[in-house]
């Protein structure tokens, strides 16, 4: 099992404890591109994907609802990771 697949499994099993930097890393691996943000927020977009990922850094972690959005994108784009 690779490091990335272990990280993805960890995100799926514990969505309340997803680290901000790990969420950003996985978004980039899925083909999302950093497109800015203000303050503690970072926004990631992907070509031909209407949904963007917006992560907020709360003491090193992202909020639960943002982890759920990340998991939904993992379900859609995990092929090739």
PDB file of N, CA and C in Angstrom:
ATOM      1  N   UNK A   1       0.851  -1.181   0.000  1.00  0.00           N
ATOM      2  CA  UNK A   1       0.000   0.000   0.000  1.00  0.00           C
ATOM      3  C   UNK A   1       0.896   1.244   0.000  1.00  0.00           C
ATOM      4  N   UNK A   2       0.638   2.155  -0.931  1.00  0.00           N
ATOM      5  CA  UNK A   2       1.476   3.349  -1.046  1.00  0.00           C
ATOM      6  C   UNK A   2       1.094   4.380   0.016  1.00  0.00           C
ATOM      7  N   UNK A   3       1.947   5.379   0.156  1.00  0.00           N
ATOM      8  CA  UNK A   3       1.694   6.456   1.107  1.00  0.00           C
ATOM      9  C   UNK A   3       0.394   7.192   0.769  1.00  0.00           C
ATOM     10  N   UNK A   4       0.183   7.432  -0.518  1.00  0.00           N
ATOM     11  CA  UNK A   4      -1.012   8.140  -0.959  1.00  0.00           C
ATOM     12  C   UNK A   4      -2.266   7.334  -0.665  1.00  0.00           C
ATOM     13  N   UNK A   5      -2.230   6.042  -0.927  1.00  0.00           N
ATOM     14  CA  UNK A   5      -3.417   5.222  -0.663  1.00  0.00           C
ATOM     15  C   UNK A   5      -3.695   5.111   0.833  1.00  0.00           C
ATOM     16  N   UNK A   6      -2.655   5.109   1.653  1.00  0.00           N
ATOM     17  CA  UNK A   6      -2.853   5.112   3.107  1.00  0.00           C
ATOM     18  C   UNK A   6      -3.495   6.429   3.548  1.00  0.00           C
ATOM     19  N   UNK A   7      -3.059   7.525   2.956  1.00  0.00           N
ATOM     20  CA  UNK A   7      -3.618   8.833   3.288  1.00  0.00           C
ATOM     21  C   UNK A   7      -5.086   8.913   2.884  1.00  0.00           C
ATOM     22  N   UNK A   8      -5.415   8.408   1.700  1.00  0.00           N
ATOM     23  CA  UNK A   8      -6.801   8.405   1.223  1.00  0.00           C
ATOM     24  C   UNK A   8      -7.676   7.560   2.147  1.00  0.00           C
ATOM     25  N   UNK A   9      -7.183   6.409   2.543  1.00  0.00           N
ATOM     26  CA  UNK A   9      -7.935   5.545   3.460  1.00  0.00           C
ATOM     27  C   UNK A   9      -8.162   6.239   4.800  1.00  0.00           C
ATOM     28  N   UNK A  10      -7.153   6.944   5.271  1.00  0.00           N
ATOM     29  CA  UNK A  10      -7.274   7.684   6.521  1.00  0.00           C
ATOM     30  C   UNK A  10      -8.328   8.790   6.423  1.00  0.00           C
ATOM     31  N   UNK A  11      -8.366   9.475   5.289  1.00  0.00           N
ATOM     32  CA  UNK A  11      -9.359  10.532   5.073  1.00  0.00           C
ATOM     33  C   UNK A  11     -10.765   9.939   5.066  1.00  0.00           C
ATOM     34  N   UNK A  12     -10.913   8.807   4.411  1.00  0.00           N
ATOM     35  CA  UNK A  12     -12.240   8.162   4.346  1.00  0.00           C
ATOM     36  C   UNK A  12     -12.717   7.661   5.704  1.00  0.00           C
ATOM     37  N   UNK A  13     -11.823   7.104   6.486  1.00  0.00           N
ATOM     38  CA  UNK A  13     -12.229   6.520   7.766  1.00  0.00           C
ATOM     39  C   UNK A  13     -12.361   7.539   8.891  1.00  0.00           C
ATOM     40  N   UNK A  14     -11.648   8.658   8.779  1.00  0.00           N
ATOM     41  CA  UNK A  14     -11.681   9.686   9.830  1.00  0.00           C
ATOM     42  C   UNK A  14     -11.868  11.077   9.236  1.00  0.00           C
ATOM     43  N   UNK A  15     -13.031  11.372   8.656  1.00  0.00           N
ATOM     44  CA  UNK A  15     -13.204  12.674   8.007  1.00  0.00           C
ATOM     45  C   UNK A  15     -13.182  13.863   8.968  1.00  0.00           C
ATOM     46  N   UNK A  16     -13.302  13.626  10.250  1.00  0.00           N
ATOM     47  CA  UNK A  16     -13.267  14.734  11.210  1.00  0.00           C
ATOM     48  C   UNK A  16     -11.849  15.142  11.575  1.00  0.00           C
ATOM     49  N   UNK A  17     -10.863  14.359  11.140  1.00  0.00           N
ATOM     50  CA  UNK A  17      -9.476  14.668  11.501  1.00  0.00           C
ATOM     51  C   UNK A  17      -8.576  14.736  10.272  1.00  0.00           C
ATOM     52  N   UNK A  18      -9.035  15.420   9.231  1.00  0.00           N
ATOM     53  CA  UNK A  18      -8.235  15.562   8.011  1.00  0.00           C
ATOM     54  C   UNK A  18      -7.367  16.818   8.151  1.00  0.00           C
ATOM     55  N   UNK A  19      -6.072  16.627   8.026  1.00  0.00           N
ATOM     56  CA  UNK A  19      -5.144  17.755   8.140  1.00  0.00           C
ATOM     57  C   UNK A  19      -5.229  18.633   6.891  1.00  0.00           C
ATOM     58  N   UNK A  20      -5.093  19.921   7.091  1.00  0.00           N
ATOM     59  CA  UNK A  20      -5.192  20.904   6.022  1.00  0.00           C
ATOM     60  C   UNK A  20      -4.171  20.630   4.924  1.00  0.00           C
ATOM     61  N   UNK A  21      -2.916  20.433   5.292  1.00  0.00           N
ATOM     62  CA  UNK A  21      -1.869  20.220   4.283  1.00  0.00           C
ATOM     63  C   UNK A  21      -2.075  18.917   3.512  1.00  0.00           C
ATOM     64  N   UNK A  22      -2.607  17.891   4.166  1.00  0.00           N
ATOM     65  CA  UNK A  22      -2.877  16.631   3.482  1.00  0.00           C
ATOM     66  C   UNK A  22      -4.036  16.769   2.495  1.00  0.00           C
ATOM     67  N   UNK A  23      -5.061  17.538   2.867  1.00  0.00           N
ATOM     68  CA  UNK A  23      -6.197  17.773   1.968  1.00  0.00           C
ATOM     69  C   UNK A  23      -5.720  18.501   0.712  1.00  0.00           C
ATOM     70  N   UNK A  24      -4.874  19.493   0.884  1.00  0.00           N
ATOM     71  CA  UNK A  24      -4.343  20.238  -0.261  1.00  0.00           C
ATOM     72  C   UNK A  24      -3.514  19.324  -1.158  1.00  0.00           C
ATOM     73  N   UNK A  25      -2.710  18.468  -0.559  1.00  0.00           N
ATOM     74  CA  UNK A  25      -1.862  17.544  -1.311  1.00  0.00           C
ATOM     75  C   UNK A  25      -2.702  16.576  -2.147  1.00  0.00           C
ATOM     76  N   UNK A  26      -3.751  16.028  -1.553  1.00  0.00           N
ATOM     77  CA  UNK A  26      -4.611  15.081  -2.264  1.00  0.00           C
ATOM     78  C   UNK A  26      -5.361  15.791  -3.396  1.00  0.00           C
ATOM     79  N   UNK A  27      -5.809  17.020  -3.159  1.00  0.00           N
ATOM     80  CA  UNK A  27      -6.507  17.777  -4.211  1.00  0.00           C
ATOM     81  C   UNK A  27      -5.611  17.937  -5.436  1.00  0.00           C
ATOM     82  N   UNK A  28      -4.356  18.280  -5.216  1.00  0.00           N
ATOM     83  CA  UNK A  28      -3.409  18.448  -6.324  1.00  0.00           C
ATOM     84  C   UNK A  28      -3.170  17.111  -7.028  1.00  0.00           C
ATOM     85  N   UNK A  29      -3.063  16.032  -6.285  1.00  0.00           N
ATOM     86  CA  UNK A  29      -2.854  14.709  -6.890  1.00  0.00           C
ATOM     87  C   UNK A  29      -4.042  14.278  -7.750  1.00  0.00           C
ATOM     88  N   UNK A  30      -5.241  14.796  -7.427  1.00  0.00           N
ATOM     89  CA  UNK A  30      -6.434  14.471  -8.220  1.00  0.00           C
ATOM     90  C   UNK A  30      -6.564  15.364  -9.451  1.00  0.00           C
ATOM     91  N   UNK A  31      -5.654  16.309  -9.625  1.00  0.00           N
ATOM     92  CA  UNK A  31      -5.688  17.158 -10.804  1.00  0.00           C
ATOM     93  C   UNK A  31      -6.263  18.538 -10.566  1.00  0.00           C
ATOM     94  N   UNK A  32      -6.562  18.868  -9.323  1.00  0.00           N
ATOM     95  CA  UNK A  32      -7.039  20.209  -9.007  1.00  0.00           C
ATOM     96  C   UNK A  32      -5.843  21.146  -8.932  1.00  0.00           C
ATOM     97  N   UNK A  33      -6.068  22.390  -9.300  1.00  0.00           N
ATOM     98  CA  UNK A  33      -5.009  23.391  -9.327  1.00  0.00           C
ATOM     99  C   UNK A  33      -5.343  24.492  -8.339  1.00  0.00           C
ATOM    100  N   UNK A  34      -4.354  24.891  -7.547  1.00  0.00           N
ATOM    101  CA  UNK A  34      -4.538  25.986  -6.597  1.00  0.00           C
ATOM    102  C   UNK A  34      -4.895  27.248  -7.360  1.00  0.00           C
ATOM    103  N   UNK A  35      -5.991  27.880  -6.983  1.00  0.00           N
ATOM    104  CA  UNK A  35      -6.410  29.083  -7.706  1.00  0.00           C
ATOM    105  C   UNK A  35      -6.594  30.275  -6.784  1.00  0.00           C
ATOM    106  N   UNK A  36      -5.950  30.270  -5.652  1.00  0.00           N
ATOM    107  CA  UNK A  36      -5.990  31.426  -4.769  1.00  0.00           C
ATOM    108  C   UNK A  36      -6.726  31.140  -3.478  1.00  0.00           C
ATOM    109  N   UNK A  37      -7.048  32.228  -2.824  1.00  0.00           N
ATOM    110  CA  UNK A  37      -7.728  32.150  -1.546  1.00  0.00           C
ATOM    111  C   UNK A  37      -7.366  33.357  -0.712  1.00  0.00           C
ATOM    112  N   UNK A  38      -8.131  33.575   0.329  1.00  0.00           N
ATOM    113  CA  UNK A  38      -7.873  34.695   1.222  1.00  0.00           C
ATOM    114  C   UNK A  38      -7.752  34.186   2.641  1.00  0.00           C
ATOM    115  N   UNK A  39      -6.815  34.760   3.367  1.00  0.00           N
ATOM    116  CA  UNK A  39      -6.670  34.386   4.760  1.00  0.00           C
ATOM    117  C   UNK A  39      -6.340  32.916   4.928  1.00  0.00           C
ATOM    118  N   UNK A  40      -7.185  32.210   5.646  1.00  0.00           N
ATOM    119  CA  UNK A  40      -6.951  30.803   5.941  1.00  0.00           C
ATOM    120  C   UNK A  40      -7.550  29.865   4.910  1.00  0.00           C
ATOM    121  N   UNK A  41      -8.123  30.406   3.838  1.00  0.00           N
ATOM    122  CA  UNK A  41      -8.782  29.595   2.816  1.00  0.00           C
ATOM    123  C   UNK A  41      -7.857  29.368   1.617  1.00  0.00           C
ATOM    124  N   UNK A  42      -7.955  28.174   1.037  1.00  0.00           N
ATOM    125  CA  UNK A  42      -7.281  27.875  -0.222  1.00  0.00           C
ATOM    126  C   UNK A  42      -8.290  27.203  -1.137  1.00  0.00           C
ATOM    127  N   UNK A  43      -8.368  27.683  -2.368  1.00  0.00           N
ATOM    128  CA  UNK A  43      -9.345  27.188  -3.332  1.00  0.00           C
ATOM    129  C   UNK A  43      -8.620  26.408  -4.417  1.00  0.00           C
ATOM    130  N   UNK A  44      -9.183  25.252  -4.764  1.00  0.00           N
ATOM    131  CA  UNK A  44      -8.635  24.402  -5.811  1.00  0.00           C
ATOM    132  C   UNK A  44      -9.714  24.154  -6.848  1.00  0.00           C
ATOM    133  N   UNK A  45      -9.343  24.300  -8.127  1.00  0.00           N
ATOM    134  CA  UNK A  45     -10.276  24.080  -9.235  1.00  0.00           C
ATOM    135  C   UNK A  45      -9.687  23.063 -10.192  1.00  0.00           C
ATOM    136  N   UNK A  46     -10.585  22.425 -10.944  1.00  0.00           N
ATOM    137  CA  UNK A  46     -10.167  21.442 -11.950  1.00  0.00           C
ATOM    138  C   UNK A  46     -10.916  21.746 -13.238  1.00  0.00           C
ATOM    139  N   UNK A  47     -10.244  21.618 -14.368  1.00  0.00           N
ATOM    140  CA  UNK A  47     -10.843  21.859 -15.674  1.00  0.00           C
ATOM    141  C   UNK A  47     -12.046  20.951 -15.869  1.00  0.00           C
ATOM    142  N   UNK A  48     -13.130  21.523 -16.361  1.00  0.00           N
ATOM    143  CA  UNK A  48     -14.378  20.812 -16.639  1.00  0.00           C
ATOM    144  C   UNK A  48     -15.048  20.226 -15.397  1.00  0.00           C
ATOM    145  N   UNK A  49     -14.711  20.723 -14.218  1.00  0.00           N
ATOM    146  CA  UNK A  49     -15.362  20.295 -12.980  1.00  0.00           C
ATOM    147  C   UNK A  49     -16.046  21.519 -12.367  1.00  0.00           C
ATOM    148  N   UNK A  50     -17.389  21.502 -12.294  1.00  0.00           N
ATOM    149  CA  UNK A  50     -18.097  22.670 -11.758  1.00  0.00           C
ATOM    150  C   UNK A  50     -17.888  22.876 -10.261  1.00  0.00           C
ATOM    151  N   UNK A  51     -17.527  21.822  -9.546  1.00  0.00           N
ATOM    152  CA  UNK A  51     -17.330  21.929  -8.104  1.00  0.00           C
ATOM    153  C   UNK A  51     -15.870  22.283  -7.822  1.00  0.00           C
ATOM    154  N   UNK A  52     -15.676  23.284  -6.987  1.00  0.00           N
ATOM    155  CA  UNK A  52     -14.318  23.616  -6.565  1.00  0.00           C
ATOM    156  C   UNK A  52     -14.147  23.186  -5.114  1.00  0.00           C
ATOM    157  N   UNK A  53     -12.928  22.919  -4.737  1.00  0.00           N
ATOM    158  CA  UNK A  53     -12.628  22.545  -3.364  1.00  0.00           C
ATOM    159  C   UNK A  53     -12.085  23.770  -2.649  1.00  0.00           C
ATOM    160  N   UNK A  54     -12.695  24.105  -1.537  1.00  0.00           N
ATOM    161  CA  UNK A  54     -12.300  25.264  -0.742  1.00  0.00           C
ATOM    162  C   UNK A  54     -11.971  24.754   0.650  1.00  0.00           C
ATOM    163  N   UNK A  55     -10.699  24.812   1.031  1.00  0.00           N
ATOM    164  CA  UNK A  55     -10.273  24.318   2.328  1.00  0.00           C
ATOM    165  C   UNK A  55      -9.949  25.475   3.258  1.00  0.00           C
ATOM    166  N   UNK A  56     -10.423  25.359   4.472  1.00  0.00           N
ATOM    167  CA  UNK A  56     -10.162  26.366   5.493  1.00  0.00           C
ATOM    168  C   UNK A  56      -9.269  25.748   6.561  1.00  0.00           C
ATOM    169  N   UNK A  57      -8.185  26.417   6.871  1.00  0.00           N
ATOM    170  CA  UNK A  57      -7.238  25.928   7.868  1.00  0.00           C
ATOM    171  C   UNK A  57      -7.727  26.322   9.260  1.00  0.00           C
ATOM    172  N   UNK A  58      -8.217  25.334   9.994  1.00  0.00           N
ATOM    173  CA  UNK A  58      -8.649  25.548  11.376  1.00  0.00           C
ATOM    174  C   UNK A  58      -7.718  24.762  12.297  1.00  0.00           C
ATOM    175  N   UNK A  59      -6.716  25.456  12.780  1.00  0.00           N
ATOM    176  CA  UNK A  59      -5.716  24.839  13.668  1.00  0.00           C
ATOM    177  C   UNK A  59      -5.080  23.596  13.046  1.00  0.00           C
ATOM    178  N   UNK A  60      -4.820  23.658  11.744  1.00  0.00           N
ATOM    179  CA  UNK A  60      -4.144  22.565  11.054  1.00  0.00           C
ATOM    180  C   UNK A  60      -5.063  21.529  10.445  1.00  0.00           C
ATOM    181  N   UNK A  61      -6.362  21.642  10.665  1.00  0.00           N
ATOM    182  CA  UNK A  61      -7.342  20.689  10.138  1.00  0.00           C
ATOM    183  C   UNK A  61      -8.386  21.417   9.297  1.00  0.00           C
ATOM    184  N   UNK A  62      -9.111  20.658   8.452  1.00  0.00           N
ATOM    185  CA  UNK A  62     -10.213  21.249   7.695  1.00  0.00           C
ATOM    186  C   UNK A  62     -11.523  20.868   8.373  1.00  0.00           C
ATOM    187  N   UNK A  63     -12.570  21.688   8.195  1.00  0.00           N
ATOM    188  CA  UNK A  63     -13.874  21.343   8.767  1.00  0.00           C
ATOM    189  C   UNK A  63     -14.428  20.051   8.166  1.00  0.00           C
ATOM    190  N   UNK A  64     -15.274  19.402   8.925  1.00  0.00           N
ATOM    191  CA  UNK A  64     -15.858  18.113   8.529  1.00  0.00           C
ATOM    192  C   UNK A  64     -16.548  18.186   7.169  1.00  0.00           C
ATOM    193  N   UNK A  65     -17.359  19.223   6.937  1.00  0.00           N
ATOM    194  CA  UNK A  65     -18.107  19.302   5.677  1.00  0.00           C
ATOM    195  C   UNK A  65     -17.168  19.430   4.481  1.00  0.00           C
ATOM    196  N   UNK A  66     -16.019  20.055   4.660  1.00  0.00           N
ATOM    197  CA  UNK A  66     -15.052  20.151   3.573  1.00  0.00           C
ATOM    198  C   UNK A  66     -14.386  18.797   3.329  1.00  0.00           C
ATOM    199  N   UNK A  67     -14.195  18.015   4.379  1.00  0.00           N
ATOM    200  CA  UNK A  67     -13.662  16.663   4.227  1.00  0.00           C
ATOM    201  C   UNK A  67     -14.651  15.790   3.464  1.00  0.00           C
ATOM    202  N   UNK A  68     -15.940  15.969   3.722  1.00  0.00           N
ATOM    203  CA  UNK A  68     -16.970  15.215   3.004  1.00  0.00           C
ATOM    204  C   UNK A  68     -16.927  15.578   1.514  1.00  0.00           C
ATOM    205  N   UNK A  69     -16.742  16.854   1.190  1.00  0.00           N
ATOM    206  CA  UNK A  69     -16.627  17.281  -0.203  1.00  0.00           C
ATOM    207  C   UNK A  69     -15.382  16.661  -0.853  1.00  0.00           C
ATOM    208  N   UNK A  70     -14.289  16.624  -0.114  1.00  0.00           N
ATOM    209  CA  UNK A  70     -13.060  16.013  -0.623  1.00  0.00           C
ATOM    210  C   UNK A  70     -13.278  14.531  -0.896  1.00  0.00           C
ATOM    211  N   UNK A  71     -13.959  13.841  -0.009  1.00  0.00           N
ATOM    212  CA  UNK A  71     -14.239  12.416  -0.187  1.00  0.00           C
ATOM    213  C   UNK A  71     -15.106  12.190  -1.428  1.00  0.00           C
ATOM    214  N   UNK A  72     -16.071  13.082  -1.663  1.00  0.00           N
ATOM    215  CA  UNK A  72     -16.909  12.975  -2.867  1.00  0.00           C
ATOM    216  C   UNK A  72     -16.061  13.113  -4.120  1.00  0.00           C
ATOM    217  N   UNK A  73     -15.102  14.012  -4.117  1.00  0.00           N
ATOM    218  CA  UNK A  73     -14.221  14.175  -5.268  1.00  0.00           C
ATOM    219  C   UNK A  73     -13.286  12.979  -5.407  1.00  0.00           C
ATOM    220  N   UNK A  74     -12.877  12.388  -4.285  1.00  0.00           N
ATOM    221  CA  UNK A  74     -12.063  11.165  -4.333  1.00  0.00           C
ATOM    222  C   UNK A  74     -12.827  10.041  -5.024  1.00  0.00           C
ATOM    223  N   UNK A  75     -14.111   9.936  -4.711  1.00  0.00           N
ATOM    224  CA  UNK A  75     -14.937   8.910  -5.345  1.00  0.00           C
ATOM    225  C   UNK A  75     -14.976   9.115  -6.860  1.00  0.00           C
ATOM    226  N   UNK A  76     -14.961  10.360  -7.284  1.00  0.00           N
ATOM    227  CA  UNK A  76     -15.074  10.691  -8.699  1.00  0.00           C
ATOM    228  C   UNK A  76     -13.744  10.582  -9.445  1.00  0.00           C
ATOM    229  N   UNK A  77     -12.634  10.984  -8.805  1.00  0.00           N
ATOM    230  CA  UNK A  77     -11.355  11.115  -9.517  1.00  0.00           C
ATOM    231  C   UNK A  77     -10.213  10.260  -8.969  1.00  0.00           C
ATOM    232  N   UNK A  78     -10.478   9.306  -8.133  1.00  0.00           N
ATOM    233  CA  UNK A  78      -9.400   8.551  -7.501  1.00  0.00           C
ATOM    234  C   UNK A  78      -8.618   7.680  -8.483  1.00  0.00           C
ATOM    235  N   UNK A  79      -9.167   7.369  -9.615  1.00  0.00           N
ATOM    236  CA  UNK A  79      -8.490   6.503 -10.585  1.00  0.00           C
ATOM    237  C   UNK A  79      -7.135   7.104 -10.930  1.00  0.00           C
ATOM    238  N   UNK A  80      -6.119   6.303 -10.817  1.00  0.00           N
ATOM    239  CA  UNK A  80      -4.779   6.760 -11.159  1.00  0.00           C
ATOM    240  C   UNK A  80      -3.972   7.276  -9.979  1.00  0.00           C
ATOM    241  N   UNK A  81      -4.557   7.302  -8.799  1.00  0.00           N
ATOM    242  CA  UNK A  81      -3.787   7.765  -7.628  1.00  0.00           C
ATOM    243  C   UNK A  81      -3.022   6.633  -7.007  1.00  0.00           C
TER     244      UNK A  81
END
